[in-house]
Amino acid sequence: MAIAMPEPQYSNPIRLLQWYAEAGIDEAIEDQPIDRYAIAARARPSAAATGADQGRQSVPAGSRPLPAALAQPRPAVAPASPGIAASSFDGAADARRRAASADSLDALRTALAAFDGCALKQTAMNLVFADGNPAAPIMFIGEAPGRDEDRQGLPFVGRSGKLLDSMLAAIGLERHAEKPEQAVYIANILPWRPPGDRTPTAAEIAACLPFIERHIALVKPRHVVLLGGTAAKSLLNRSEGIMRLRGRWYEHPVEGLDKPVSCLATLHPAFLLRSPKEKRSAWRDFLELKSKLGTSV
């Protein structure tokens, strides 16, 4: 039985948002905008009906029934869930074909640049492909670029990127280290920034997933660290939240690799900036990664 939680009585909206973030409320109810103009257009009577009604006594606005488009419940939009088959979205088949044909990282980048099956490409400034050393034993995968990443064309270069660099340094790693065993390689599920840094939709994830899968196959990392719920649920095809997924290892089969790649889910640095108290959990995950690598701080 669900227990109703008392709503915080904050007059300051900033404090209210902070309370929501600490409580784990960080997603909108729906991931698709509602086009109110289209609803109003469908509700308007046709020209013929308008002419036939001329001369009739008008009905007071307050007594008119709601148009059918407004009175009926809205159809449910497709949830941003990785469990939906990628083949049900336009562009996914083309993405798989282009990704499979790439035999190098340069070829994969070229294939992504030529891919038009994801609408985010039209609103983003730059394609954000990857950063770090592709020969590194660890590949970090986040959700999608943010504002700073979109401007510079590199993943994790904003505030969350600086936090990630500090966390890496704490376990003896650095994205541009000369020795591959001390370096990391970083990419995202989506190479283009969603407008307003919103959560990617299921269609956008499905269109881009073949490219990140191929990315993993070409890099051949020993371990993959999935940063945040969107990255973890999308790649592992799981429905649990990140708090349940984090801190655990998963064996993920990737086409093109001889054996499944070992994946660790953890919290996204952007979430840690909003909820500093969760840094302790992320630190435990990074210590688990250090232990797996056999490195020393």
Protein backbone atom coordinates (compact mmCIF):
# COMPACT_ATOMS: atom_id res chain seq x y z
CA MET A 1 0.00 0.00 0.00
CA ALA A 2 1.37 3.39 -0.98
CA ILE A 3 1.96 5.83 1.88
CA ALA A 4 1.41 9.48 1.13
CA MET A 5 4.45 11.58 1.94
CA PRO A 6 3.84 14.99 3.54
CA GLU A 7 4.56 17.77 1.10
CA PRO A 8 7.27 20.17 2.32
CA GLN A 9 5.96 23.60 3.19
CA TYR A 10 8.71 25.64 1.56
CA SER A 11 7.91 29.15 0.40
CA ASN A 12 11.33 29.36 -1.25
CA PRO A 13 11.14 27.51 -4.62
CA ILE A 14 14.89 26.87 -4.60
CA ARG A 15 14.66 25.04 -1.28
CA LEU A 16 11.69 23.09 -2.60
CA LEU A 17 13.66 21.97 -5.67
CA GLN A 18 16.57 20.98 -3.43
CA TRP A 19 14.20 18.91 -1.31
CA TYR A 20 12.87 17.18 -4.43
CA ALA A 21 16.42 16.41 -5.62
CA GLU A 22 17.43 14.97 -2.25
CA ALA A 23 14.29 12.82 -2.27
CA GLY A 24 15.26 11.42 -5.66
CA ILE A 25 12.56 13.27 -7.61
CA ASP A 26 14.60 14.22 -10.67
CA GLU A 27 12.42 13.34 -13.67
CA ALA A 28 9.38 14.91 -15.29
CA ILE A 29 6.09 13.00 -15.39
CA GLU A 30 6.16 12.84 -19.19
CA ASP A 31 9.09 12.88 -21.57
CA GLN A 32 7.12 14.24 -24.53
CA PRO A 33 5.79 17.81 -24.83
CA ILE A 34 2.08 18.32 -25.51
CA ASP A 35 1.30 20.41 -28.58
CA ARG A 36 -1.62 22.50 -27.32
CA TYR A 37 -1.87 24.31 -30.65
CA ALA A 38 -2.49 21.01 -32.46
CA ILE A 39 -5.20 20.08 -29.95
CA ALA A 40 -6.90 23.44 -30.45
CA ALA A 41 -6.70 23.09 -34.23
CA ARG A 42 -8.36 19.67 -34.14
CA ALA A 43 -11.08 21.03 -31.90
CA ARG A 44 -12.02 23.86 -34.30
CA PRO A 45 -15.18 23.23 -36.42
CA SER A 46 -14.75 22.92 -40.18
CA ALA A 47 -15.66 25.80 -42.48
CA ALA A 48 -18.74 23.94 -43.75
CA ALA A 49 -19.98 23.31 -40.25
CA THR A 50 -19.39 26.95 -39.39
CA GLY A 51 -21.50 28.09 -42.36
CA ALA A 52 -24.31 25.69 -41.49
CA ASP A 53 -24.39 27.00 -37.95
CA GLN A 54 -24.70 30.65 -38.97
CA GLY A 55 -27.87 32.20 -37.67
CA ARG A 56 -28.17 29.77 -34.80
CA GLN A 57 -28.27 31.14 -31.32
CA SER A 58 -24.79 31.05 -29.81
CA VAL A 59 -24.20 28.97 -26.73
CA PRO A 60 -22.63 30.73 -23.76
CA ALA A 61 -18.94 29.83 -23.54
CA GLY A 62 -19.26 28.65 -19.97
CA SER A 63 -21.91 26.05 -20.91
CA ARG A 64 -20.15 24.52 -23.94
CA PRO A 65 -18.91 20.95 -23.51
CA LEU A 66 -15.20 20.28 -23.80
CA PRO A 67 -13.99 19.33 -27.29
CA ALA A 68 -13.51 15.59 -27.73
CA ALA A 69 -9.73 16.03 -28.02
CA LEU A 70 -9.65 17.59 -24.55
CA ALA A 71 -12.35 15.54 -22.89
CA GLN A 72 -10.75 12.18 -23.73
CA PRO A 73 -7.67 11.08 -21.83
CA ARG A 74 -4.41 11.60 -23.66
CA PRO A 75 -2.84 8.48 -25.14
CA ALA A 76 0.17 7.31 -23.23
CA VAL A 77 3.47 8.30 -24.76
CA ALA A 78 6.21 5.76 -25.20
CA PRO A 79 8.27 5.75 -21.98
CA ALA A 80 11.99 6.36 -22.12
CA SER A 81 12.61 2.71 -21.40
CA PRO A 82 15.37 0.60 -22.92
CA GLY A 83 13.05 -2.40 -22.90
CA ILE A 84 11.31 -1.18 -26.07
CA ALA A 85 12.62 -2.87 -29.19
CA ALA A 86 14.91 -0.58 -31.14
CA SER A 87 13.42 -1.79 -34.41
CA SER A 88 10.15 -0.02 -33.59
CA PHE A 89 11.74 3.40 -34.13
CA ASP A 90 12.66 5.10 -37.37
CA GLY A 91 16.40 5.30 -37.88
CA ALA A 92 17.32 2.30 -35.72
CA ALA A 93 17.78 -0.06 -38.69
CA ASP A 94 19.93 2.49 -40.51
CA ALA A 95 21.93 3.03 -37.31
CA ARG A 96 22.66 -0.68 -36.98
CA ARG A 97 23.75 -0.88 -40.61
CA ARG A 98 26.04 2.15 -40.38
CA ALA A 99 27.51 1.09 -37.04
CA ALA A 100 28.21 -2.47 -38.19
CA SER A 101 30.07 -1.20 -41.25
CA ALA A 102 32.52 0.88 -39.16
CA ASP A 103 35.83 -0.98 -38.74
CA SER A 104 37.67 1.77 -36.85
CA LEU A 105 36.95 4.64 -34.47
CA ASP A 106 37.48 7.15 -37.27
CA ALA A 107 35.02 5.25 -39.46
CA LEU A 108 32.52 5.15 -36.60
CA ARG A 109 32.81 8.89 -36.08
CA THR A 110 32.26 9.45 -39.80
CA ALA A 111 29.22 7.16 -39.74
CA LEU A 112 27.75 9.08 -36.82
CA ALA A 113 28.33 12.41 -38.54
CA ALA A 114 26.46 11.16 -41.62
CA PHE A 115 23.60 9.64 -39.62
CA ASP A 116 20.31 11.60 -39.79
CA GLY A 117 18.10 9.18 -37.88
CA CYS A 118 18.20 11.15 -34.61
CA ALA A 119 16.56 14.58 -34.52
CA LEU A 120 18.95 15.79 -31.80
CA LYS A 121 21.55 16.28 -34.52
CA GLN A 122 19.50 19.20 -35.86
CA THR A 123 19.54 21.13 -32.57
CA ALA A 124 23.04 20.34 -31.29
CA MET A 125 26.08 22.49 -32.02
CA ASN A 126 28.61 19.66 -32.24
CA LEU A 127 28.93 15.91 -32.41
CA VAL A 128 30.42 14.77 -29.10
CA PHE A 129 32.23 11.54 -29.89
CA ALA A 130 34.75 10.63 -27.17
CA ASP A 131 37.77 11.73 -25.14
CA GLY A 132 40.69 10.05 -23.44
CA ASN A 133 42.85 7.11 -24.47
CA PRO A 134 41.09 4.38 -26.50
CA ALA A 135 43.81 1.95 -25.41
CA ALA A 136 42.81 2.38 -21.75
CA PRO A 137 41.39 -0.65 -19.91
CA ILE A 138 38.32 1.29 -18.71
CA MET A 139 35.61 2.96 -20.77
CA PHE A 140 33.26 5.40 -19.03
CA ILE A 141 29.84 5.93 -20.64
CA GLY A 142 27.49 8.71 -19.63
CA GLU A 143 24.04 9.78 -20.77
CA ALA A 144 24.42 12.68 -23.20
CA PRO A 145 26.41 15.88 -23.65
CA GLY A 146 25.51 19.01 -21.73
CA ARG A 147 25.92 22.66 -22.66
CA ASP A 148 29.70 22.82 -22.20
CA GLU A 149 30.22 19.50 -23.93
CA ASP A 150 28.08 20.59 -26.87
CA ARG A 151 30.13 23.75 -27.28
CA GLN A 152 33.54 22.06 -27.07
CA GLY A 153 32.65 18.79 -28.78
CA LEU A 154 34.11 16.72 -25.92
CA PRO A 155 32.37 14.66 -23.20
CA PHE A 156 32.50 15.63 -19.52
CA VAL A 157 34.24 19.00 -19.73
CA GLY A 158 31.81 21.02 -17.60
CA ARG A 159 31.30 20.97 -13.82
CA SER A 160 30.38 17.29 -13.81
CA GLY A 161 33.47 16.54 -15.90
CA LYS A 162 35.73 18.28 -13.40
CA LEU A 163 34.18 16.25 -10.61
CA LEU A 164 34.71 13.07 -12.62
CA ASP A 165 38.37 13.99 -13.16
CA SER A 166 38.80 14.48 -9.40
CA MET A 167 37.19 11.10 -8.69
CA LEU A 168 39.48 9.43 -11.23
CA ALA A 169 42.55 11.08 -9.74
CA ALA A 170 41.56 9.74 -6.31
CA ILE A 171 42.05 6.17 -7.57
CA GLY A 172 45.13 6.91 -9.65
CA LEU A 173 43.52 7.40 -13.07
CA GLU A 174 43.53 10.29 -15.56
CA ARG A 175 41.80 10.53 -18.91
CA HIS A 176 44.93 11.67 -20.77
CA ALA A 177 47.59 9.70 -18.90
CA GLU A 178 50.56 8.63 -21.03
CA LYS A 179 50.44 5.06 -19.76
CA PRO A 180 47.31 3.29 -21.03
CA GLU A 181 46.86 1.37 -17.78
CA GLN A 182 46.47 4.69 -15.94
CA ALA A 183 44.20 6.30 -18.53
CA VAL A 184 40.47 6.12 -19.24
CA TYR A 185 38.28 6.50 -22.31
CA ILE A 186 35.00 8.44 -22.12
CA ALA A 187 31.88 8.55 -24.32
CA ASN A 188 28.09 8.90 -24.03
CA ILE A 189 25.04 6.89 -25.05
CA LEU A 190 23.96 9.88 -27.16
CA PRO A 191 26.53 11.95 -29.09
CA TRP A 192 24.25 14.99 -29.36
CA ARG A 193 22.90 17.23 -26.62
CA PRO A 194 19.14 17.05 -25.92
CA PRO A 195 17.59 20.56 -25.85
CA GLY A 196 17.66 21.99 -22.34
CA ASP A 197 19.60 18.94 -21.13
CA ARG A 198 16.35 17.00 -20.81
CA THR A 199 16.27 13.23 -20.39
CA PRO A 200 16.64 11.46 -23.76
CA THR A 201 13.53 9.79 -25.15
CA ALA A 202 13.24 6.07 -25.89
CA ALA A 203 13.38 6.78 -29.65
CA GLU A 204 16.57 8.83 -29.33
CA ILE A 205 18.25 6.14 -27.24
CA ALA A 206 17.17 3.38 -29.64
CA ALA A 207 18.56 5.31 -32.62
CA CYS A 208 21.96 5.86 -31.00
CA LEU A 209 22.41 2.59 -29.09
CA PRO A 210 23.92 0.63 -32.04
CA PHE A 211 26.71 3.22 -32.28
CA ILE A 212 27.75 3.02 -28.62
CA GLU A 213 27.59 -0.78 -28.79
CA ARG A 214 29.91 -0.70 -31.80
CA HIS A 215 32.06 1.86 -29.97
CA ILE A 216 32.59 -0.64 -27.16
CA ALA A 217 33.38 -3.43 -29.63
CA LEU A 218 36.07 -1.32 -31.34
CA VAL A 219 37.70 -0.10 -28.10
CA LYS A 220 37.59 -3.54 -26.42
CA PRO A 221 37.82 -2.28 -22.82
CA ARG A 222 38.36 -4.63 -19.91
CA HIS A 223 35.66 -2.83 -17.94
CA VAL A 224 32.87 -0.35 -18.68
CA VAL A 225 31.63 2.10 -16.05
CA LEU A 226 28.09 3.33 -16.66
CA LEU A 227 27.49 6.80 -15.25
CA GLY A 228 23.87 7.36 -14.24
CA GLY A 229 20.53 5.67 -14.64
CA THR A 230 19.99 6.39 -18.34
CA ALA A 231 23.34 4.90 -19.36
CA ALA A 232 22.97 1.87 -17.09
CA LYS A 233 19.36 1.05 -18.00
CA SER A 234 19.89 1.63 -21.72
CA LEU A 235 23.01 -0.46 -22.18
CA LEU A 236 22.10 -3.24 -19.74
CA ASN A 237 18.44 -3.27 -20.79
CA ARG A 238 17.29 -3.05 -17.18
CA SER A 239 14.30 -1.28 -15.66
CA GLU A 240 15.58 -0.73 -12.11
CA GLY A 241 16.66 2.70 -10.93
CA ILE A 242 20.30 3.62 -10.55
CA MET A 243 20.16 3.25 -6.76
CA ARG A 244 19.43 -0.45 -7.24
CA LEU A 245 21.84 -0.93 -10.13
CA ARG A 246 24.86 0.92 -8.74
CA GLY A 247 27.80 -0.80 -7.11
CA ARG A 248 27.24 -4.11 -8.91
CA TRP A 249 29.03 -5.80 -11.79
CA TYR A 250 27.16 -7.01 -14.86
CA GLU A 251 28.36 -9.14 -17.75
CA HIS A 252 27.09 -7.49 -20.93
CA PRO A 253 27.43 -9.30 -24.28
CA VAL A 254 28.55 -7.03 -27.13
CA GLU A 255 28.47 -8.08 -30.76
CA GLY A 256 32.02 -8.21 -32.06
CA LEU A 257 33.61 -9.19 -28.73
CA ASP A 258 34.64 -12.74 -27.89
CA LYS A 259 33.23 -12.54 -24.37
CA PRO A 260 30.86 -10.24 -22.44
CA VAL A 261 32.31 -7.01 -21.10
CA SER A 262 32.29 -6.41 -17.35
CA CYS A 263 30.14 -3.35 -16.51
CA LEU A 264 29.88 -1.38 -13.26
CA ALA A 265 26.98 1.03 -12.73
CA THR A 266 27.47 4.12 -10.58
CA LEU A 267 26.00 7.57 -10.01
CA HIS A 268 26.38 10.35 -12.57
CA PRO A 269 28.64 13.23 -11.48
CA ALA A 270 25.86 15.73 -12.30
CA PHE A 271 23.63 13.94 -9.78
CA LEU A 272 26.41 14.11 -7.20
CA LEU A 273 26.62 17.87 -7.68
CA ARG A 274 22.91 18.10 -6.88
CA SER A 275 23.07 15.58 -4.03
CA PRO A 276 26.51 15.81 -2.39
CA LYS A 277 25.56 13.34 0.33
CA GLU A 278 25.55 10.58 -2.31
CA LYS A 279 29.26 11.08 -3.01
CA ARG A 280 29.94 8.47 -0.35
CA SER A 281 28.10 5.85 -2.39
CA ALA A 282 29.96 6.84 -5.56
CA TRP A 283 33.27 6.66 -3.72
CA ARG A 284 32.50 3.08 -2.68
CA ASP A 285 31.83 2.27 -6.34
CA PHE A 286 35.15 3.77 -7.39
CA LEU A 287 36.98 1.82 -4.70
CA GLU A 288 35.32 -1.31 -6.11
CA LEU A 289 36.63 -0.33 -9.54
CA LYS A 290 40.12 0.23 -8.11
CA SER A 291 40.00 -3.18 -6.49
CA LYS A 292 38.94 -4.78 -9.76
CA LEU A 293 41.86 -3.16 -11.57
CA GLY A 294 44.34 -4.08 -8.86
CA THR A 295 45.63 -0.47 -8.72
CA SER A 296 46.68 1.41 -5.63
CA VAL A 297 45.78 4.94 -4.60
